[in-house]
Amino acid sequence: MLLILVGAPMSGRRTALNWLGEHGFRCVDGDEVRAAECGLAGEAPMATIAQDGNELERMSDISMSFILAIDAPHGVRWRRQMASGGGSLEDFVKKSDSLMYDCDQKGTPLRTWMSNATIRAMNQGSLEEFYSQLESLDLRNPKHARPSWDMYFLQLAVLASRRTNCMKRAVGAVIVKSNRVVSTGYNGTASGLTNCSDGGCKRCNSFARMGVSLDVCLCLHAEENAIIEAGSSRCENATLYSSLFPCLACTKLIMQVGITRVIYNSSYATDERAEAMMISSGIQVLRGGPL
């Protein structure tokens, strides 16, 4: 497993690397990473600092790797720079901007990589607070480099939500049985109707509040679409993954087709009633961790 550290100057990358070295990681440079790439699975976890976007791009395709982005406010980083040897503010800003935004246009800016990092840490307090934060991140857990089945399928549900055409909220759902995808769904108007995003549903294109006038909404819900696609026989004893907690109407469908587990990412206004119904019928309800 390889942990790649990225961050702005004086954000605490080197401090984090030293801490990792004291907590079971083998600290290496970029050349050592490539030399050891084939043996990552059997070795102790490794940690390295990506010096720029180009180096990170070369490392990004290594199996069993993940990125920890470390950041701190500009003022905090400048005070650390002054304490470590000074220099002009203009030079510090130039160096920081060159690293973070790739002003020479040689590759993907480091800031872009940081925004897509697996884990993020903000180092703006004391050293003890930073160490405590690193400890809480459980960085030796393989789930960061290779997600569990539940997190994998929940990520697929979130990905499915990007296909939505509903103007109110993007929701995706995936039905899984024996770790195999049975069906996927996302919310939007029924087949044959104008997409909601093109004005097909007047309710969603108005200022209707959440949970109001649902009887005139022309959009199918993501869970509903996934269940229709799968059919009731393939839903029995299956797991439904949803980017949003199911509404009451979808909860009844879930119960009726025999789904036994529901794993969701975000909460919804009717959670309490819907969750109570599921639990009373023996359905296991879990909320997934951060994606």
Protein backbone atom coordinates (compact mmCIF):
# COMPACT_ATOMS: atom_id res chain seq x y z
CA MET A 1 0.00 0.00 0.00
CA LEU A 2 1.30 3.45 -0.91
CA LEU A 3 0.24 6.70 0.72
CA ILE A 4 1.05 9.76 -1.40
CA LEU A 5 1.26 13.07 0.48
CA VAL A 6 0.48 16.30 -1.35
CA GLY A 7 0.18 19.85 -0.11
CA ALA A 8 1.20 23.47 -0.38
CA PRO A 9 4.58 24.70 0.92
CA MET A 10 4.65 24.78 4.74
CA SER A 11 1.38 22.86 4.97
CA GLY A 12 3.01 20.09 7.01
CA ARG A 13 3.85 17.42 4.42
CA ARG A 14 7.29 16.66 5.84
CA THR A 15 5.94 16.69 9.40
CA ALA A 16 3.28 14.19 8.37
CA LEU A 17 5.83 11.98 6.60
CA ASN A 18 8.04 11.87 9.71
CA TRP A 19 5.03 10.97 11.85
CA LEU A 20 4.08 8.18 9.45
CA GLY A 21 7.64 6.84 9.64
CA GLU A 22 7.20 6.50 13.39
CA HIS A 23 3.87 4.70 12.98
CA GLY A 24 4.61 1.74 10.74
CA PHE A 25 5.13 3.33 7.33
CA ARG A 26 8.31 3.08 5.28
CA CYS A 27 9.18 6.57 4.03
CA VAL A 28 10.54 6.60 0.48
CA ASP A 29 11.21 9.01 -2.37
CA GLY A 30 9.77 8.89 -5.87
CA ASP A 31 12.51 6.69 -7.34
CA GLU A 32 12.13 4.13 -4.55
CA VAL A 33 8.38 4.05 -5.15
CA ARG A 34 8.83 2.99 -8.76
CA ALA A 35 11.52 0.45 -7.86
CA ALA A 36 9.26 -1.17 -5.24
CA GLU A 37 6.01 -0.88 -7.21
CA CYS A 38 5.69 -4.59 -7.99
CA GLY A 39 6.12 -5.56 -4.35
CA LEU A 40 3.68 -3.16 -2.76
CA ALA A 41 1.17 -5.84 -1.83
CA GLY A 42 3.52 -7.79 0.42
CA GLU A 43 5.52 -4.93 1.90
CA ALA A 44 4.91 -2.70 4.88
CA PRO A 45 2.86 0.36 3.85
CA MET A 46 4.95 3.05 2.19
CA ALA A 47 4.59 6.83 2.28
CA THR A 48 6.08 9.45 0.01
CA ILE A 49 5.71 13.13 -0.85
CA ALA A 50 4.77 14.07 -4.41
CA GLN A 51 6.89 17.11 -5.16
CA ASP A 52 4.68 18.40 -7.96
CA GLY A 53 1.77 17.52 -10.22
CA ASN A 54 3.98 15.73 -12.74
CA GLU A 55 5.42 13.37 -10.13
CA LEU A 56 1.98 12.72 -8.71
CA GLU A 57 0.66 11.92 -12.17
CA ARG A 58 3.40 9.30 -12.58
CA MET A 59 2.42 7.72 -9.25
CA SER A 60 -1.34 7.93 -9.65
CA ASP A 61 -1.69 4.69 -11.60
CA ILE A 62 0.12 2.56 -9.01
CA SER A 63 -2.15 -0.13 -7.62
CA MET A 64 -3.08 0.04 -3.91
CA SER A 65 -2.20 3.73 -3.62
CA PHE A 66 -4.16 6.68 -2.26
CA ILE A 67 -3.65 10.41 -1.74
CA LEU A 68 -3.64 12.42 1.50
CA ALA A 69 -3.96 16.16 0.80
CA ILE A 70 -2.62 18.42 3.56
CA ASP A 71 -3.43 22.10 3.58
CA ALA A 72 -3.31 25.16 5.82
CA PRO A 73 -4.42 28.80 5.48
CA HIS A 74 -2.03 31.16 3.67
CA GLY A 75 -1.37 33.18 6.82
CA VAL A 76 -0.48 30.09 8.85
CA ARG A 77 1.87 28.81 6.15
CA TRP A 78 3.55 32.22 5.85
CA ARG A 79 4.15 32.40 9.60
CA ARG A 80 5.78 28.96 9.45
CA GLN A 81 7.96 30.16 6.59
CA MET A 82 9.07 33.17 8.61
CA ALA A 83 9.88 30.96 11.59
CA SER A 84 11.96 28.59 9.46
CA GLY A 85 14.17 31.16 7.76
CA GLY A 86 12.15 34.01 6.38
CA GLY A 87 12.40 35.27 2.81
CA SER A 88 10.06 37.69 1.11
CA LEU A 89 6.31 37.24 1.02
CA GLU A 90 6.39 37.75 -2.75
CA ASP A 91 8.85 34.87 -3.25
CA PHE A 92 6.82 32.63 -0.95
CA VAL A 93 3.60 33.35 -2.87
CA LYS A 94 5.34 32.76 -6.21
CA LYS A 95 6.70 29.40 -5.06
CA SER A 96 3.36 28.37 -3.64
CA ASP A 97 1.41 29.41 -6.74
CA SER A 98 3.91 27.70 -9.05
CA LEU A 99 3.56 24.42 -7.16
CA MET A 100 -0.20 24.53 -6.60
CA TYR A 101 -1.39 25.94 -9.91
CA ASP A 102 1.41 24.87 -12.29
CA CYS A 103 1.96 28.34 -13.69
CA ASP A 104 4.32 26.90 -16.33
CA GLN A 105 1.52 24.64 -17.63
CA LYS A 106 3.67 21.49 -17.51
CA GLY A 107 1.00 19.17 -16.16
CA THR A 108 -2.06 18.80 -13.94
CA PRO A 109 -1.92 21.43 -11.15
CA LEU A 110 -1.36 20.04 -7.67
CA ARG A 111 -4.47 21.89 -6.46
CA THR A 112 -6.57 19.78 -8.83
CA TRP A 113 -5.09 16.61 -7.41
CA MET A 114 -5.73 17.84 -3.87
CA SER A 115 -9.39 18.49 -4.57
CA ASN A 116 -9.76 14.87 -5.70
CA ALA A 117 -7.71 13.34 -2.87
CA THR A 118 -8.96 10.26 -1.04
CA ILE A 119 -8.43 11.95 2.35
CA ARG A 120 -7.90 15.59 3.36
CA ALA A 121 -6.33 17.08 6.48
CA MET A 122 -6.23 20.72 7.57
CA ASN A 123 -3.09 21.58 9.55
CA GLN A 124 -3.80 24.97 11.09
CA GLY A 125 -3.39 24.31 14.81
CA SER A 126 -0.72 22.93 17.11
CA LEU A 127 1.56 20.02 16.36
CA GLU A 128 -0.30 17.89 18.87
CA GLU A 129 -3.60 18.65 17.15
CA PHE A 130 -2.13 17.69 13.78
CA TYR A 131 -0.78 14.41 15.13
CA SER A 132 -4.13 13.67 16.71
CA GLN A 133 -5.85 14.31 13.37
CA LEU A 134 -3.47 11.98 11.55
CA GLU A 135 -4.10 9.29 14.15
CA SER A 136 -7.85 9.61 13.72
CA LEU A 137 -7.61 9.10 9.94
CA ASP A 138 -6.63 5.42 10.41
CA LEU A 139 -4.18 5.70 7.51
CA ARG A 140 -2.98 2.09 7.68
CA ASN A 141 -6.47 0.81 6.88
CA PRO A 142 -6.45 -0.83 3.41
CA LYS A 143 -9.95 0.55 2.74
CA HIS A 144 -8.38 3.86 1.67
CA ALA A 145 -6.55 2.16 -1.21
CA ARG A 146 -9.16 -0.50 -1.96
CA PRO A 147 -12.72 0.20 -0.81
CA SER A 148 -14.90 -2.42 0.84
CA TRP A 149 -17.76 -3.93 -1.18
CA ASP A 150 -20.25 -1.64 0.54
CA MET A 151 -18.24 1.51 -0.18
CA TYR A 152 -17.61 0.36 -3.75
CA PHE A 153 -21.30 -0.11 -4.52
CA LEU A 154 -22.24 3.09 -2.69
CA GLN A 155 -19.79 4.96 -4.91
CA LEU A 156 -21.48 3.39 -7.93
CA ALA A 157 -24.81 4.72 -6.65
CA VAL A 158 -23.35 8.21 -6.34
CA LEU A 159 -21.93 7.86 -9.86
CA ALA A 160 -25.35 6.79 -11.15
CA SER A 161 -26.84 9.97 -9.65
CA ARG A 162 -24.89 12.00 -12.19
CA ARG A 163 -27.22 10.67 -14.89
CA THR A 164 -30.23 12.35 -13.26
CA ASN A 165 -32.37 14.77 -15.21
CA CYS A 166 -34.38 15.88 -12.14
CA MET A 167 -34.11 19.58 -11.34
CA LYS A 168 -34.64 19.11 -7.60
CA ARG A 169 -31.97 16.65 -6.50
CA ALA A 170 -29.56 14.14 -8.06
CA VAL A 171 -30.11 10.62 -6.67
CA GLY A 172 -28.66 7.28 -7.76
CA ALA A 173 -29.34 3.72 -6.64
CA VAL A 174 -27.79 0.30 -7.20
CA ILE A 175 -29.29 -3.11 -6.34
CA VAL A 176 -26.71 -5.80 -5.58
CA LYS A 177 -26.95 -9.53 -4.88
CA SER A 178 -23.98 -11.73 -3.94
CA ASN A 179 -21.66 -8.82 -4.73
CA ARG A 180 -22.99 -8.61 -8.28
CA VAL A 181 -24.83 -5.58 -9.67
CA VAL A 182 -28.44 -6.49 -10.51
CA SER A 183 -29.61 -3.07 -11.66
CA THR A 184 -28.98 0.66 -11.39
CA GLY A 185 -31.31 3.64 -11.39
CA TYR A 186 -31.41 7.39 -11.15
CA ASN A 187 -34.23 9.87 -10.73
CA GLY A 188 -35.92 11.65 -13.59
CA THR A 189 -39.04 11.73 -15.74
CA ALA A 190 -40.49 8.50 -17.13
CA SER A 191 -39.47 7.23 -20.57
CA GLY A 192 -41.25 9.04 -23.36
CA LEU A 193 -41.62 12.29 -21.41
CA THR A 194 -39.53 15.43 -21.77
CA ASN A 195 -36.61 15.38 -19.35
CA CYS A 196 -37.24 17.25 -16.13
CA SER A 197 -34.13 19.34 -16.83
CA ASP A 198 -35.77 20.44 -20.10
CA GLY A 199 -38.99 21.47 -18.37
CA GLY A 200 -40.76 18.10 -18.41
CA CYS A 201 -41.90 18.25 -14.79
CA LYS A 202 -43.60 21.48 -13.75
CA ARG A 203 -43.44 20.62 -10.06
CA CYS A 204 -39.65 20.19 -10.04
CA ASN A 205 -39.16 23.30 -12.16
CA SER A 206 -41.19 25.43 -9.75
CA PHE A 207 -40.27 26.54 -6.25
CA ALA A 208 -42.11 23.65 -4.57
CA ARG A 209 -40.66 22.82 -1.16
CA MET A 210 -39.17 19.42 -0.38
CA GLY A 211 -41.91 16.86 0.22
CA VAL A 212 -44.69 19.12 -1.11
CA SER A 213 -46.89 18.37 -4.18
CA LEU A 214 -45.22 15.01 -4.78
CA ASP A 215 -48.52 13.70 -6.19
CA VAL A 216 -48.05 15.86 -9.30
CA CYS A 217 -44.34 15.15 -9.73
CA LEU A 218 -43.60 13.32 -13.01
CA CYS A 219 -40.17 12.06 -11.91
CA LEU A 220 -39.47 8.47 -10.92
CA HIS A 221 -37.15 8.00 -7.95
CA ALA A 222 -33.77 6.30 -8.32
CA GLU A 223 -34.72 3.37 -6.06
CA GLU A 224 -37.99 2.98 -7.94
CA ASN A 225 -36.20 2.83 -11.28
CA ALA A 226 -33.66 0.31 -9.98
CA ILE A 227 -36.42 -1.97 -8.60
CA ILE A 228 -38.42 -1.78 -11.85
CA GLU A 229 -35.31 -2.63 -13.85
CA ALA A 230 -34.44 -5.58 -11.61
CA GLY A 231 -37.91 -7.05 -11.13
CA SER A 232 -39.17 -8.36 -7.81
CA SER A 233 -37.67 -11.86 -8.11
CA ARG A 234 -34.11 -10.57 -8.45
CA CYS A 235 -34.55 -8.14 -5.54
CA GLU A 236 -35.27 -10.80 -2.93
CA ASN A 237 -32.52 -10.84 -0.25
CA ALA A 238 -30.61 -8.17 -2.17
CA THR A 239 -28.95 -4.97 -0.94
CA LEU A 240 -29.99 -1.53 -2.16
CA TYR A 241 -27.36 1.22 -2.20
CA SER A 242 -28.64 4.78 -2.54
CA SER A 243 -26.99 8.16 -2.58
CA LEU A 244 -30.00 9.46 -0.58
CA PHE A 245 -32.09 7.81 2.13
CA PRO A 246 -35.25 6.37 0.51
CA CYS A 247 -38.55 8.22 0.87
CA LEU A 248 -41.65 6.57 2.34
CA ALA A 249 -43.00 5.50 -1.05
CA CYS A 250 -39.71 3.87 -2.03
CA THR A 251 -39.46 2.29 1.42
CA LYS A 252 -42.73 0.46 0.79
CA LEU A 253 -41.41 -0.81 -2.53
CA ILE A 254 -38.17 -1.95 -0.89
CA MET A 255 -40.11 -3.89 1.73
CA GLN A 256 -42.47 -5.41 -0.82
CA VAL A 257 -39.78 -6.87 -3.12
CA GLY A 258 -37.81 -8.43 -0.26
CA ILE A 259 -34.67 -6.29 -0.16
CA THR A 260 -32.91 -7.06 3.15
CA ARG A 261 -30.23 -4.35 3.41
CA VAL A 262 -30.27 -0.62 2.63
CA ILE A 263 -27.06 1.40 2.64
CA TYR A 264 -27.27 5.11 1.96
CA ASN A 265 -24.99 8.14 1.76
CA SER A 266 -27.09 11.22 2.67
CA SER A 267 -30.10 11.75 4.93
CA TYR A 268 -33.62 12.76 3.88
CA ALA A 269 -36.46 14.55 5.67
CA THR A 270 -38.59 11.40 6.18
CA ASP A 271 -35.76 9.31 7.57
CA GLU A 272 -37.37 8.57 10.94
CA ARG A 273 -40.63 7.11 9.66
CA ALA A 274 -39.09 5.30 6.73
CA GLU A 275 -36.25 3.87 8.80
CA ALA A 276 -38.66 2.71 11.52
CA MET A 277 -40.71 0.88 8.88
CA MET A 278 -37.63 -0.85 7.46
CA ILE A 279 -36.27 -1.89 10.84
CA SER A 280 -39.67 -3.22 11.94
CA SER A 281 -39.72 -5.45 8.85
CA GLY A 282 -36.21 -6.78 9.52
CA ILE A 283 -34.31 -4.70 6.95
CA GLN A 284 -30.77 -3.75 7.98
CA VAL A 285 -30.21 0.00 7.52
CA LEU A 286 -26.69 1.43 7.43
CA ARG A 287 -25.16 4.77 6.56
CA GLY A 288 -21.97 4.65 4.52
CA GLY A 289 -18.86 6.55 5.53
CA PRO A 290 -17.33 9.52 3.67
CA LEU A 291 -16.82 8.87 -0.05
